[in-house]
Amino acid sequence: MNGSNNAGGKINLSGTYGLGLEMDPWAYEARGRNRGIEIGRQEGYSSGISVGNDEGLISGIGIGADIAWNEANAIIDQLKDDFNEERNDGNKAAVALNALRETVETLIKENPKAASHIRKVFIKNYKKEVVESVRDGFIKIPLHSDPSFMRTSPKMFEFIISAL
């Protein structure tokens, strides 16, 4: 050490050489300020992460709910469109069936001699279609036994009953 008071070698926070065990008041203040800044940063960082995570989670839940809601509405709209298309197809078949029924009724009225033959052909074809349709699960019961068919298609129901 050569008789010098330079145990630590470099100047310390107190402005002296050595270990700096005794510091001036400003050095303690500087150390405290630096430690306070460090603690403040850590707490701010932790708090920021916590708030950010909470806000992100809440925002993510909201976004996810919106996405699910939109997807559900899209599915509902698609089901409505499919149902409307099927109903439209059914209506088309009903229009054609009604025209066919009116044609057969007109033929029976205009050709009384052919009426029994027309009814026999209709009954033969009707019974064949009913047997196949019930067997294949297309309908549950024959149309002439179905109260729902009687309500929804009263003219065709009446025509079938009169032919049977």
Protein backbone atom coordinates (compact mmCIF):
# COMPACT_ATOMS: atom_id res chain seq x y z
CA MET A 1 0.00 0.00 0.00
CA ASN A 2 3.04 2.23 0.22
CA GLY A 3 1.71 4.30 3.07
CA SER A 4 -1.26 5.53 1.16
CA ASN A 5 -4.88 5.24 2.12
CA ASN A 6 -5.89 3.56 -1.11
CA ALA A 7 -7.15 0.14 0.06
CA GLY A 8 -9.78 -0.24 -2.69
CA GLY A 9 -7.79 1.38 -5.43
CA LYS A 10 -10.48 3.50 -7.01
CA ILE A 11 -12.46 6.45 -5.86
CA ASN A 12 -15.66 5.47 -4.04
CA LEU A 13 -19.06 7.14 -3.79
CA SER A 14 -17.94 9.26 -0.86
CA GLY A 15 -15.31 10.85 -3.02
CA THR A 16 -12.45 9.21 -1.19
CA TYR A 17 -10.19 6.32 -1.94
CA GLY A 18 -10.56 2.99 -0.25
CA LEU A 19 -13.47 0.88 0.85
CA GLY A 20 -15.86 3.76 1.25
CA LEU A 21 -17.32 2.52 4.47
CA GLU A 22 -17.97 6.04 5.58
CA MET A 23 -19.83 8.01 2.96
CA ASP A 24 -20.96 11.55 2.77
CA PRO A 25 -24.73 12.12 3.09
CA TRP A 26 -25.11 12.82 -0.63
CA ALA A 27 -23.71 9.33 -1.37
CA TYR A 28 -26.35 7.70 0.81
CA GLU A 29 -28.97 9.81 -0.92
CA ALA A 30 -27.65 8.75 -4.35
CA ARG A 31 -27.64 5.09 -3.35
CA GLY A 32 -31.20 5.37 -2.01
CA ARG A 33 -32.37 7.21 -5.11
CA ASN A 34 -30.83 4.58 -7.40
CA ARG A 35 -32.33 1.76 -5.34
CA GLY A 36 -35.70 3.52 -5.36
CA ILE A 37 -35.55 3.92 -9.13
CA GLU A 38 -34.74 0.23 -9.50
CA ILE A 39 -37.58 -0.83 -7.18
CA GLY A 40 -39.95 1.57 -8.96
CA ARG A 41 -39.03 0.11 -12.32
CA GLN A 42 -39.59 -3.43 -11.07
CA GLU A 43 -42.94 -2.56 -9.52
CA GLY A 44 -44.00 -0.59 -12.58
CA TYR A 45 -42.98 -3.43 -14.85
CA SER A 46 -44.85 -5.99 -12.72
CA SER A 47 -47.90 -3.75 -12.48
CA GLY A 48 -47.79 -3.04 -16.21
CA ILE A 49 -47.55 -6.73 -17.04
CA SER A 50 -50.45 -7.49 -14.69
CA VAL A 51 -52.64 -4.73 -16.11
CA GLY A 52 -51.60 -5.58 -19.65
CA ASN A 53 -52.34 -9.27 -19.13
CA ASP A 54 -55.72 -8.46 -17.58
CA GLU A 55 -56.65 -6.06 -20.36
CA GLY A 56 -55.37 -8.48 -22.98
CA LEU A 57 -57.33 -11.36 -21.46
CA ILE A 58 -60.53 -9.32 -21.24
CA SER A 59 -60.02 -8.02 -24.76
CA GLY A 60 -59.28 -11.54 -26.03
CA ILE A 61 -62.40 -12.92 -24.37
CA GLY A 62 -64.44 -10.13 -25.96
CA ILE A 63 -62.91 -10.74 -29.38
CA GLY A 64 -63.47 -14.49 -29.01
CA ALA A 65 -67.10 -13.93 -28.03
CA ASP A 66 -67.61 -11.66 -31.04
CA ILE A 67 -66.06 -14.26 -33.34
CA ALA A 68 -68.23 -17.03 -31.86
CA TRP A 69 -71.33 -14.83 -32.13
CA ASN A 70 -70.59 -14.02 -35.77
CA GLU A 71 -69.94 -17.69 -36.58
CA ALA A 72 -73.19 -18.70 -34.85
CA ASN A 73 -75.12 -16.07 -36.82
CA ALA A 74 -73.50 -17.27 -40.04
CA ILE A 75 -74.56 -20.86 -39.25
CA ILE A 76 -78.10 -19.70 -38.43
CA ASP A 77 -78.28 -17.71 -41.66
CA GLN A 78 -77.04 -20.72 -43.63
CA LEU A 79 -79.65 -22.96 -41.97
CA LYS A 80 -82.36 -20.40 -42.77
CA ASP A 81 -81.21 -20.26 -46.39
CA ASP A 82 -81.15 -24.06 -46.62
CA PHE A 83 -84.62 -24.30 -45.07
CA ASN A 84 -86.01 -21.63 -47.39
CA GLU A 85 -84.51 -23.43 -50.38
CA GLU A 86 -86.03 -26.75 -49.30
CA ARG A 87 -89.39 -25.08 -48.67
CA ASN A 88 -89.20 -23.46 -52.09
CA ASP A 89 -88.47 -26.86 -53.66
CA GLY A 90 -91.45 -28.32 -51.79
CA ASN A 91 -93.65 -25.48 -52.99
CA LYS A 92 -92.56 -26.14 -56.58
CA ALA A 93 -93.48 -29.80 -56.21
CA ALA A 94 -96.83 -28.81 -54.67
CA VAL A 95 -97.59 -26.51 -57.61
CA ALA A 96 -96.79 -29.27 -60.10
CA LEU A 97 -98.78 -31.82 -58.08
CA ASN A 98 -101.77 -29.46 -57.89
CA ALA A 99 -101.67 -28.98 -61.68
CA LEU A 100 -101.48 -32.74 -62.17
CA ARG A 101 -104.39 -33.32 -59.80
CA GLU A 102 -106.50 -30.73 -61.63
CA THR A 103 -105.59 -32.38 -64.95
CA VAL A 104 -106.69 -35.80 -63.72
CA GLU A 105 -109.93 -34.34 -62.28
CA THR A 106 -110.62 -32.60 -65.61
CA LEU A 107 -110.00 -35.83 -67.55
CA ILE A 108 -112.39 -37.70 -65.25
CA LYS A 109 -115.11 -35.03 -65.68
CA GLU A 110 -114.69 -34.73 -69.44
CA ASN A 111 -114.39 -38.47 -70.09
CA PRO A 112 -116.84 -40.22 -67.75
CA LYS A 113 -116.28 -43.52 -69.59
CA ALA A 114 -112.54 -43.34 -68.87
CA ALA A 115 -113.01 -42.22 -65.24
CA SER A 116 -112.87 -45.70 -63.71
CA HIS A 117 -109.77 -46.58 -65.75
CA ILE A 118 -108.03 -43.30 -64.72
CA ARG A 119 -108.85 -43.98 -61.04
CA LYS A 120 -107.56 -47.58 -61.30
CA VAL A 121 -104.28 -46.41 -62.84
CA PHE A 122 -103.94 -43.71 -60.18
CA ILE A 123 -104.66 -46.11 -57.31
CA LYS A 124 -102.21 -48.68 -58.69
CA ASN A 125 -99.44 -46.06 -58.97
CA TYR A 126 -100.36 -44.43 -55.63
CA LYS A 127 -100.19 -47.72 -53.73
CA LYS A 128 -96.84 -48.62 -55.35
CA GLU A 129 -95.37 -45.20 -54.44
CA VAL A 130 -96.72 -45.37 -50.87
CA VAL A 131 -95.28 -48.85 -50.26
CA GLU A 132 -91.85 -47.82 -51.60
CA SER A 133 -91.84 -44.49 -49.76
CA VAL A 134 -92.80 -46.02 -46.39
CA ARG A 135 -90.25 -48.83 -46.87
CA ASP A 136 -87.47 -46.35 -47.75
CA GLY A 137 -88.39 -44.02 -44.88
CA PHE A 138 -89.35 -41.16 -47.18
CA ILE A 139 -92.76 -40.95 -45.45
CA LYS A 140 -93.92 -42.47 -42.16
CA ILE A 141 -97.49 -43.39 -43.05
CA PRO A 142 -99.61 -43.43 -46.23
CA LEU A 143 -100.88 -40.00 -47.24
CA HIS A 144 -104.55 -41.00 -46.95
CA SER A 145 -103.93 -41.96 -43.28
CA ASP A 146 -101.94 -38.86 -42.38
CA PRO A 147 -103.93 -36.11 -40.58
CA SER A 148 -101.11 -33.66 -41.29
CA PHE A 149 -101.44 -34.28 -45.04
CA MET A 150 -105.19 -33.76 -44.73
CA ARG A 151 -104.58 -30.30 -43.19
CA THR A 152 -101.77 -29.20 -45.52
CA SER A 153 -103.12 -30.60 -48.81
CA PRO A 154 -106.89 -30.90 -48.42
CA LYS A 155 -107.69 -31.05 -52.16
CA MET A 156 -105.16 -33.80 -52.87
CA PHE A 157 -106.27 -35.67 -49.74
CA GLU A 158 -109.88 -35.51 -50.92
CA PHE A 159 -108.86 -36.70 -54.40
CA ILE A 160 -106.98 -39.71 -52.99
CA ILE A 161 -109.86 -40.64 -50.67
CA SER A 162 -112.38 -40.40 -53.50
CA ALA A 163 -110.18 -42.56 -55.74
CA LEU A 164 -109.68 -45.22 -53.07
